[in-house]
Amino acid sequence: MSDQTRLSVFKTYKLYVGGKFPRSESGRVYEVTAKASAAEAAGKGKWLANAPLSSRKDARDAVVAARKAFGGWSGATAYNRGQILYRVAEMLEGRKSQFVHEVADAEGLSKSKAAVLVEATIDRWVWYAGWTDKIAQIVGGANPVAGPFFNLSTPEPTGVVTVLAPQESSFLGLVSVVAPVIATGNTAVVVASERAPLPALSLGEVLATSDLPGGVVNVLSGRTAEIAAPLASHQDVNGIDLTGADEVLAKELEIAAADNLKRVLRPQAVDNDWPADPGIHRLTAFLETKTVWHPTGSLGASGSAY
């Protein structure tokens, strides 16, 4: 059959909630267009796809899914979480050409520059996967006390975290804010870049075919302000990363988040340099510290203790 007689099969992008791929309950979509490169004239880019326009109901459903998954994910061993995240990196590597195409369109880059970003993104995911069973050694430990007690501090995940993905860095920035949240045992409701949501929606497809339990990451697309507002005030959300919000929206969401004392990660000045060394500040942003006291025991008649 010749190419002239064949109709292309366009991809239908869907949300990723609870391990499934629903359309928005509102039935709404919006047009996603390519970002023009510097060499091209200014103006509206070519049409890429219709992305789901998420509603408040979609946001609430995503929180329910994240809460349901939290117990199993936070209760898994850190080593097991690392294995699962490494498997995600393997899946990303296998679909590298797809992400190169999507990132090139989303960010107005050449294929070669997009390939560099995608490879850096996969490396970033592996890097965070390696931290799952090491972060406790950095931020936890035994505390010296004046008395016959063990005093141990250990990090524990905060809970359900809303993540507003960066608006301009559609893939590297996305992974840089999502991976540390789940690496430490939290579950996430991710609001994809409003202008360039396709790499985030494709990431949901990768997560669904990896070993990551459904509900650990939930991906919503649409108007950032519209989706983020109910999430910031939601009583079952424990933290919010405001990276993808502008200054005005971030202030409004921070005020809403105070209602149930959510942990808030404000936009950082270094967020515009995603290829730079990320450090561990995002790993610790949504961790709580649990301190346990335990009496030491006596060993025999000598009275020595352990």
Foldseek 3Di string as FASTA:
>chain_A
DDPVPDDDDADAFAWAAQLDGDAAPVPDWDWAFFDAAPVDDDDTHHTRYTYHAHAQVLLVRLLVLQQVCQVVQQPDALLVQLVLLLQLLVLLVVCLQVQLVLQCRHQVHDSVVSSVLSVLQSVLSNVLSVCSNPVQVVPWAWDDDDAQKTKTKGKGFQEEEEEEFAQRRQGLSRSLQLNLNSSRRYAYEYEGRANRRVVVSVSSVSSSPTPNRGSSYIYDYHDCLRNLQSVLQPLSHAAYECQHPDPVSQVVSVVSNPPNDHQYHYHDPCSVPSSDDPPCCSNCSRIDMDMDMGGWDADPPVRDTD
